[in-house]
Amino acid sequence: FKNLFHEWEDPMEVLHSKAEGTVEYTSLLFIPSRAPFNLYHTDYEPGLQLYSRHVFIMDKCKDLLPDYLRFVKGLVDSPDFSLNISRELLQQSRELKLIGKNLEKNILKTLERLLKNQREKYEKFWAEYGKSLKIGVYNSMYSGRDTVDKLKDLLLFATSREEQSLSTLKEYTDRMPESQKKIYYAIGKDREMIEHLPQMELLREKGLEVVFLLDPVDEFAIETLREYEGKTFQSISRGDLGLEDVESQEVKKETEDIAKKNEDMMKDIKEALSAKVSDVKVSTRLKSSAVCLVADEQGPSLAMEQVFAEANNPMFKAKRILEINPHHDLFGRLQSLHEAGKDGDDFKDYCDLLYTQALLIEGILPEDPIAFANKLAKLMAK
């Protein structure tokens, strides 16, 4: 392994198999201890070495394993291949497809065994190669739904339950109370940021566990999964949380009444913010915080919008909805300013400051930081 693939460390796992029957082959595969620095770059060349009767045929055969197993190194020797076979004929080879299918099955069985019997070792594997499996789930929209079924139980996520440990989706659903109908998740750059999101307060108070998505690819994988064992995924920052307990229904009813009484004010806040938000609502998800920004149930989330923006693809825009806490002291101040006149500078400044505050909570910089600083200074001077 070290000599052939120029590795310094022993492999994390070695898979050796010999098959006879429909197709005959011997394989020796390795999962390296560390992922190469360019594993997800275009210049990385995945693939296994191919031999026929111990004679070398090809160095990087990409057609044996799916792309989500690109980190696997090794070689395959089969007498069923002709020594002078062309690359084009090899790609269409029935034997090659059968061998590839068996190798994929063996690797996934090995990973399942590690997860079940050697959790610490599997978590080390996950730290190095977990992103590949998540990309595999996302790419299943092109390769077929069966990839999701193969990989969904191998995924690990941080959750709000314990700071250090990771959890499978099966472990999460097994811990869910009977009344919980959805798998809640939150997106952020790190654990600390998510813990401080205002949207977390309500779920923490109700003792509901939240899956933390800390890698940009996580949300794409979750969106592709859609559901797990009949439980749909629900972002804490999108749409209705779907809390069905008596207390939540009472809060919802009370909020609807407040929203009805302040319908004109909400409409005028939306107007003051012009094209920045698609809607302004009275919030049912906030406890102590004044405001938060959420995305519409349909379309990309705020985090997904940021990922596309960083990739210089600003086409995908989230529908931003500003939610205001009706039980916060600031709500009463907004009502007073609105009564004084919706066209007043103070009311417009408050609306803009609330929106910018919501942006900052989400980790998004305001479009005009200087204008925000000036408005804040003006308010502080008053």
Protein backbone atom coordinates (compact mmCIF):
# COMPACT_ATOMS: atom_id res chain seq x y z
CA PHE A 1 0.00 0.00 0.00
CA LYS A 2 2.72 2.49 0.99
CA ASN A 3 4.94 1.60 -1.95
CA LEU A 4 2.29 1.47 -4.66
CA PHE A 5 0.25 4.52 -3.62
CA HIS A 6 3.05 6.59 -2.03
CA GLU A 7 1.36 6.68 1.39
CA TRP A 8 3.15 7.39 4.68
CA GLU A 9 0.67 5.86 7.13
CA ASP A 10 -0.89 2.41 7.36
CA PRO A 11 -4.37 2.20 5.79
CA MET A 12 -7.40 2.73 7.99
CA GLU A 13 -9.02 -0.40 6.55
CA VAL A 14 -7.99 -3.23 4.19
CA LEU A 15 -10.56 -5.16 2.14
CA HIS A 16 -9.40 -8.32 0.41
CA SER A 17 -11.76 -10.54 -1.55
CA LYS A 18 -11.67 -13.34 -4.12
CA ALA A 19 -14.75 -14.19 -6.16
CA GLU A 20 -15.57 -17.06 -8.50
CA GLY A 21 -18.74 -17.86 -10.43
CA THR A 22 -20.44 -15.53 -12.90
CA VAL A 23 -17.36 -13.35 -12.83
CA GLU A 24 -13.94 -14.20 -11.40
CA TYR A 25 -11.70 -11.62 -9.74
CA THR A 26 -9.39 -10.87 -6.83
CA SER A 27 -9.47 -7.43 -5.24
CA LEU A 28 -7.28 -5.69 -2.66
CA LEU A 29 -8.75 -2.36 -1.56
CA PHE A 30 -7.58 0.22 0.97
CA ILE A 31 -9.18 3.12 2.80
CA PRO A 32 -6.26 5.49 3.52
CA SER A 33 -5.92 6.89 7.04
CA ARG A 34 -6.06 10.45 5.77
CA ALA A 35 -7.94 12.05 2.91
CA PRO A 36 -5.70 13.66 0.25
CA PHE A 37 -5.82 17.46 0.31
CA ASN A 38 -7.26 17.57 -3.24
CA LEU A 39 -9.89 14.82 -2.82
CA TYR A 40 -12.73 17.16 -3.87
CA HIS A 41 -10.75 19.10 -6.48
CA THR A 42 -11.04 18.55 -10.21
CA ASP A 43 -7.36 17.57 -10.47
CA TYR A 44 -7.89 14.51 -8.22
CA GLU A 45 -8.03 11.29 -10.23
CA PRO A 46 -10.00 8.50 -8.54
CA GLY A 47 -9.94 4.91 -9.73
CA LEU A 48 -8.54 1.44 -9.08
CA GLN A 49 -5.67 -0.28 -10.82
CA LEU A 50 -6.82 -3.01 -13.20
CA TYR A 51 -4.99 -6.25 -13.97
CA SER A 52 -5.76 -9.31 -16.05
CA ARG A 53 -3.98 -12.52 -15.02
CA HIS A 54 -1.41 -10.41 -13.09
CA VAL A 55 -0.69 -8.27 -16.15
CA PHE A 56 -1.27 -4.51 -15.72
CA ILE A 57 -4.04 -3.05 -17.93
CA MET A 58 -4.99 0.35 -16.52
CA ASP A 59 -3.88 2.68 -13.73
CA LYS A 60 -7.03 4.68 -12.88
CA CYS A 61 -10.19 2.78 -13.77
CA LYS A 62 -12.99 5.18 -12.75
CA ASP A 63 -15.80 2.86 -13.84
CA LEU A 64 -15.42 0.30 -11.05
CA LEU A 65 -16.64 2.39 -8.12
CA PRO A 66 -19.21 5.21 -7.81
CA ASP A 67 -17.84 8.71 -7.33
CA TYR A 68 -18.81 8.82 -3.63
CA LEU A 69 -16.19 6.08 -3.01
CA ARG A 70 -13.47 8.06 -4.81
CA PHE A 71 -11.23 7.87 -1.72
CA VAL A 72 -10.81 4.05 -2.01
CA LYS A 73 -7.48 2.91 -3.44
CA GLY A 74 -6.43 -0.55 -4.56
CA LEU A 75 -6.33 -3.01 -7.41
CA VAL A 76 -8.51 -5.61 -9.12
CA ASP A 77 -7.21 -8.64 -11.02
CA SER A 78 -9.61 -10.57 -13.26
CA PRO A 79 -8.93 -13.22 -15.95
CA ASP A 80 -12.21 -12.19 -17.63
CA PHE A 81 -10.61 -9.11 -19.21
CA SER A 82 -8.75 -9.24 -22.51
CA LEU A 83 -5.21 -7.86 -22.32
CA ASN A 84 -5.72 -5.64 -25.37
CA ILE A 85 -9.19 -4.35 -24.43
CA SER A 86 -9.77 -0.68 -25.27
CA ARG A 87 -11.04 1.83 -22.71
CA GLU A 88 -14.31 2.25 -24.67
CA LEU A 89 -15.03 -1.50 -24.70
CA LEU A 90 -14.03 -1.73 -21.04
CA GLN A 91 -16.64 0.89 -20.08
CA GLN A 92 -19.35 -1.25 -21.74
CA SER A 93 -18.05 -4.47 -20.20
CA ARG A 94 -20.70 -6.49 -18.33
CA GLU A 95 -17.97 -8.10 -16.19
CA LEU A 96 -16.63 -4.70 -15.12
CA LYS A 97 -20.12 -3.59 -13.99
CA LEU A 98 -20.64 -6.82 -12.00
CA ILE A 99 -17.26 -6.50 -10.29
CA GLY A 100 -17.96 -2.83 -9.50
CA LYS A 101 -21.34 -3.68 -7.99
CA ASN A 102 -19.76 -6.36 -5.75
CA LEU A 103 -16.93 -4.07 -4.66
CA GLU A 104 -19.37 -1.28 -3.75
CA LYS A 105 -21.47 -3.76 -1.73
CA ASN A 106 -18.38 -5.03 0.14
CA ILE A 107 -17.17 -1.53 0.99
CA LEU A 108 -20.60 -0.44 2.29
CA LYS A 109 -20.89 -3.64 4.38
CA THR A 110 -17.47 -2.91 5.88
CA LEU A 111 -18.57 0.65 6.76
CA GLU A 112 -21.82 -0.66 8.31
CA ARG A 113 -19.80 -3.12 10.41
CA LEU A 114 -17.43 -0.36 11.56
CA LEU A 115 -20.37 1.88 12.52
CA LYS A 116 -21.99 -0.93 14.51
CA ASN A 117 -18.94 -2.52 16.17
CA GLN A 118 -16.13 0.06 16.08
CA ARG A 119 -17.86 3.42 16.49
CA GLU A 120 -14.70 5.36 17.37
CA LYS A 121 -12.95 4.09 14.24
CA TYR A 122 -15.99 4.88 12.10
CA GLU A 123 -16.10 8.44 13.47
CA LYS A 124 -12.44 8.83 12.44
CA PHE A 125 -13.42 7.59 8.97
CA TRP A 126 -16.34 10.05 8.97
CA ALA A 127 -14.07 12.98 9.87
CA GLU A 128 -11.94 12.18 6.80
CA TYR A 129 -14.51 10.99 4.25
CA GLY A 130 -18.00 11.84 5.51
CA LYS A 131 -18.29 14.64 2.97
CA SER A 132 -17.94 12.08 0.12
CA LEU A 133 -20.95 10.10 1.38
CA LYS A 134 -23.03 13.28 1.76
CA ILE A 135 -22.11 14.32 -1.79
CA GLY A 136 -23.14 10.79 -2.84
CA VAL A 137 -26.60 11.36 -1.30
CA TYR A 138 -26.94 14.72 -3.07
CA ASN A 139 -25.78 13.30 -6.41
CA SER A 140 -28.35 10.49 -6.13
CA MET A 141 -30.83 12.80 -7.87
CA TYR A 142 -28.77 12.02 -10.99
CA SER A 143 -27.61 8.47 -10.17
CA GLY A 144 -30.87 7.07 -8.74
CA ARG A 145 -32.76 6.86 -5.48
CA ASP A 146 -31.14 3.55 -4.48
CA THR A 147 -27.94 5.47 -3.57
CA VAL A 148 -29.93 7.29 -0.85
CA ASP A 149 -31.10 3.96 0.58
CA LYS A 150 -27.51 2.66 0.61
CA LEU A 151 -26.07 5.71 2.38
CA LYS A 152 -28.76 7.20 4.65
CA ASP A 153 -27.91 4.97 7.64
CA LEU A 154 -24.18 5.73 7.34
CA LEU A 155 -24.62 9.51 7.78
CA LEU A 156 -23.51 11.14 11.04
CA PHE A 157 -24.52 14.55 12.38
CA ALA A 158 -23.85 16.69 15.41
CA THR A 159 -27.03 17.39 17.41
CA SER A 160 -28.13 19.57 20.32
CA ARG A 161 -28.15 16.51 22.60
CA GLU A 162 -24.45 16.12 23.35
CA GLU A 163 -21.56 18.43 22.51
CA GLN A 164 -18.96 15.82 21.57
CA SER A 165 -20.87 12.86 20.13
CA LEU A 166 -22.29 12.41 16.64
CA SER A 167 -25.60 10.72 15.88
CA THR A 168 -27.04 8.66 13.03
CA LEU A 169 -30.55 9.50 11.82
CA LYS A 170 -31.73 6.15 13.24
CA GLU A 171 -30.39 7.06 16.70
CA TYR A 172 -32.08 10.47 16.47
CA THR A 173 -35.48 9.04 15.49
CA ASP A 174 -35.24 6.37 18.22
CA ARG A 175 -34.87 9.17 20.79
CA MET A 176 -37.78 11.22 19.42
CA PRO A 177 -40.82 11.55 21.72
CA GLU A 178 -43.96 9.97 20.28
CA SER A 179 -45.59 13.38 19.77
CA GLN A 180 -42.72 14.64 17.57
CA LYS A 181 -43.62 14.30 13.92
CA LYS A 182 -40.60 15.96 12.25
CA ILE A 183 -36.80 15.84 12.34
CA TYR A 184 -35.69 19.37 13.20
CA TYR A 185 -32.45 20.76 11.83
CA ALA A 186 -30.54 24.02 11.99
CA ILE A 187 -27.83 25.39 9.70
CA GLY A 188 -24.78 27.35 10.80
CA LYS A 189 -21.04 27.79 10.46
CA ASP A 190 -20.40 26.19 13.83
CA ARG A 191 -22.14 24.73 16.85
CA GLU A 192 -21.87 27.90 18.94
CA MET A 193 -23.57 30.03 16.28
CA ILE A 194 -26.53 27.62 16.03
CA GLU A 195 -26.88 27.38 19.83
CA HIS A 196 -27.33 31.17 19.94
CA LEU A 197 -29.91 31.40 17.16
CA PRO A 198 -33.18 32.86 18.48
CA GLN A 199 -35.08 30.05 16.71
CA MET A 200 -33.38 27.51 19.01
CA GLU A 201 -34.97 28.88 22.19
CA LEU A 202 -38.43 27.42 21.66
CA LEU A 203 -37.19 23.94 20.72
CA ARG A 204 -34.73 23.92 23.62
CA GLU A 205 -37.55 24.88 25.99
CA LYS A 206 -39.68 22.01 24.68
CA GLY A 207 -36.77 19.55 25.01
CA LEU A 208 -36.70 18.80 21.27
CA GLU A 209 -33.39 17.62 19.79
CA VAL A 210 -32.09 19.50 16.74
CA VAL A 211 -29.72 18.15 14.08
CA PHE A 212 -26.87 20.60 13.39
CA LEU A 213 -25.81 21.06 9.74
CA LEU A 214 -22.31 22.56 9.90
CA ASP A 215 -21.02 21.77 6.40
CA PRO A 216 -22.47 23.54 3.31
CA VAL A 217 -23.10 20.15 1.64
CA ASP A 218 -25.23 18.96 4.62
CA GLU A 219 -28.30 20.92 3.61
CA PHE A 220 -28.11 19.69 0.01
CA ALA A 221 -27.98 16.10 1.32
CA ILE A 222 -30.94 16.67 3.68
CA GLU A 223 -32.98 18.31 0.90
CA THR A 224 -32.30 15.24 -1.28
CA LEU A 225 -33.23 12.81 1.52
CA ARG A 226 -36.55 14.65 2.11
CA GLU A 227 -37.57 12.19 4.85
CA TYR A 228 -36.24 9.38 7.02
CA GLU A 229 -38.40 6.45 8.13
CA GLY A 230 -41.55 8.45 7.42
CA LYS A 231 -40.35 11.53 9.35
CA THR A 232 -39.92 14.65 7.23
CA PHE A 233 -37.07 17.11 7.78
CA GLN A 234 -37.98 20.56 9.08
CA SER A 235 -35.63 23.54 9.23
CA ILE A 236 -36.08 25.64 12.37
CA SER A 237 -35.68 28.69 10.08
CA ARG A 238 -38.22 27.79 7.40
CA GLY A 239 -42.01 27.64 7.29
CA ASP A 240 -44.22 26.33 10.08
CA LEU A 241 -42.43 24.25 12.73
CA GLY A 242 -45.42 21.92 12.95
CA LEU A 243 -45.53 21.80 16.77
CA GLU A 244 -48.84 20.20 17.66
CA ASP A 245 -48.95 20.26 21.47
CA VAL A 246 -51.73 22.18 23.26
CA GLU A 247 -49.43 25.02 24.36
CA SER A 248 -48.17 25.56 20.79
CA GLN A 249 -51.72 25.67 19.44
CA GLU A 250 -52.66 28.29 22.09
CA VAL A 251 -49.61 30.40 21.17
CA LYS A 252 -50.54 30.07 17.49
CA LYS A 253 -54.10 31.24 18.16
CA GLU A 254 -52.88 34.17 20.29
CA THR A 255 -50.36 35.16 17.59
CA GLU A 256 -53.05 35.06 14.90
CA ASP A 257 -55.15 37.48 17.00
CA ILE A 258 -52.18 39.86 17.48
CA ALA A 259 -51.36 39.65 13.75
CA LYS A 260 -54.95 40.57 12.87
CA LYS A 261 -54.93 43.61 15.19
CA ASN A 262 -51.56 44.78 13.78
CA GLU A 263 -52.23 43.95 10.15
CA ASP A 264 -51.69 47.54 8.99
CA MET A 265 -48.41 47.89 10.89
CA MET A 266 -47.02 44.64 9.41
CA LYS A 267 -48.01 45.83 5.94
CA ASP A 268 -46.27 49.17 6.52
CA ILE A 269 -43.08 47.52 7.87
CA LYS A 270 -42.98 45.43 4.70
CA GLU A 271 -43.47 48.57 2.63
CA ALA A 272 -40.69 50.37 4.54
CA LEU A 273 -38.30 47.52 3.78
CA SER A 274 -39.43 47.55 0.12
CA ALA A 275 -37.78 44.71 -1.85
CA LYS A 276 -35.63 43.41 1.03
CA VAL A 277 -38.28 41.00 2.39
CA SER A 278 -41.11 39.04 0.81
CA ASP A 279 -43.24 39.25 3.98
CA VAL A 280 -43.34 40.45 7.59
CA LYS A 281 -45.05 38.27 10.20
CA VAL A 282 -45.79 38.06 13.89
CA SER A 283 -43.64 35.18 15.15
CA THR A 284 -44.66 32.00 16.99
CA ARG A 285 -41.07 30.67 17.21
CA LEU A 286 -39.39 33.47 19.21
CA LYS A 287 -39.14 33.58 23.01
CA SER A 288 -36.78 36.32 24.27
CA SER A 289 -35.35 37.66 20.99
CA ALA A 290 -36.99 40.58 19.22
CA VAL A 291 -36.64 39.44 15.64
CA CYS A 292 -35.47 36.70 13.29
CA LEU A 293 -35.20 36.11 9.57
CA VAL A 294 -36.67 32.93 8.08
CA ALA A 295 -37.04 31.57 4.55
CA ASP A 296 -40.19 30.51 2.77
CA GLU A 297 -41.07 26.79 2.88
CA GLN A 298 -40.65 26.66 -0.90
CA GLY A 299 -37.36 27.64 -2.48
CA PRO A 300 -33.78 27.89 -1.16
CA SER A 301 -32.92 28.66 2.45
CA LEU A 302 -30.84 31.64 3.57
CA ALA A 303 -27.81 29.37 4.09
CA MET A 304 -28.22 27.85 0.61
CA GLU A 305 -28.44 31.35 -0.87
CA GLN A 306 -25.09 32.19 0.76
CA VAL A 307 -23.47 29.02 -0.63
CA PHE A 308 -24.59 29.92 -4.16
CA ALA A 309 -23.46 33.54 -3.68
CA GLU A 310 -19.98 32.39 -2.58
CA ALA A 311 -19.83 30.23 -5.72
CA ASN A 312 -20.60 33.37 -7.81
CA ASN A 313 -24.07 32.09 -8.66
CA PRO A 314 -26.48 34.73 -7.28
CA MET A 315 -29.46 33.31 -9.23
CA PHE A 316 -30.88 31.42 -6.25
CA LYS A 317 -32.44 33.88 -3.83
CA ALA A 318 -34.30 32.90 -0.67
CA LYS A 319 -37.65 34.53 0.02
CA ARG A 320 -36.80 36.40 3.21
CA ILE A 321 -39.52 36.67 5.82
CA LEU A 322 -39.01 38.96 8.80
CA GLU A 323 -40.61 37.60 11.98
CA ILE A 324 -41.14 39.92 14.95
CA ASN A 325 -41.73 38.80 18.53
CA PRO A 326 -45.08 40.30 19.69
CA HIS A 327 -44.12 39.79 23.37
CA HIS A 328 -40.87 41.77 23.18
CA ASP A 329 -40.78 45.35 24.54
CA LEU A 330 -39.68 46.55 21.12
CA PHE A 331 -43.01 45.51 19.61
CA GLY A 332 -44.80 48.09 21.77
CA ARG A 333 -42.30 50.77 20.71
CA LEU A 334 -42.96 49.90 17.05
CA GLN A 335 -46.70 50.29 17.63
CA SER A 336 -46.17 53.78 19.14
CA LEU A 337 -43.95 54.88 16.26
CA HIS A 338 -46.45 53.50 13.74
CA GLU A 339 -49.30 55.40 15.37
CA ALA A 340 -47.18 58.56 15.22
CA GLY A 341 -46.91 58.13 11.47
CA LYS A 342 -45.76 55.39 9.12
CA ASP A 343 -43.88 57.94 6.98
CA GLY A 344 -41.81 59.18 9.92
CA ASP A 345 -38.03 58.72 9.82
CA ASP A 346 -38.01 57.02 13.23
CA PHE A 347 -40.43 54.28 12.14
CA LYS A 348 -38.49 53.66 8.92
CA ASP A 349 -35.17 53.59 10.81
CA TYR A 350 -36.54 51.10 13.34
CA CYS A 351 -37.77 48.84 10.53
CA ASP A 352 -34.39 48.94 8.80
CA LEU A 353 -32.48 48.34 12.04
CA LEU A 354 -34.68 45.35 12.88
CA TYR A 355 -34.06 43.83 9.47
CA THR A 356 -30.29 44.40 9.67
CA GLN A 357 -30.25 42.92 13.18
CA ALA A 358 -31.98 39.81 11.80
CA LEU A 359 -29.36 39.62 9.02
CA LEU A 360 -26.49 39.78 11.52
CA ILE A 361 -28.05 37.02 13.63
CA GLU A 362 -27.95 34.81 10.51
CA GLY A 363 -24.29 35.71 9.95
CA ILE A 364 -25.08 37.84 6.87
CA LEU A 365 -23.41 41.24 6.54
CA PRO A 366 -25.69 44.20 5.72
CA GLU A 367 -25.45 45.59 2.20
CA ASP A 368 -24.53 49.02 3.58
CA PRO A 369 -22.70 48.66 6.94
CA ILE A 370 -21.97 52.44 7.08
CA ALA A 371 -25.67 53.35 6.83
CA PHE A 372 -26.44 50.78 9.55
CA ALA A 373 -23.72 52.22 11.83
CA ASN A 374 -25.00 55.77 11.27
CA LYS A 375 -28.61 54.82 12.05
CA LEU A 376 -27.49 53.00 15.20
CA ALA A 377 -25.41 55.98 16.32
CA LYS A 378 -28.40 58.30 15.68
CA LEU A 379 -30.65 56.04 17.77
CA MET A 380 -28.07 55.83 20.60
CA ALA A 381 -27.73 59.64 20.62
CA LYS A 382 -31.49 59.93 21.15
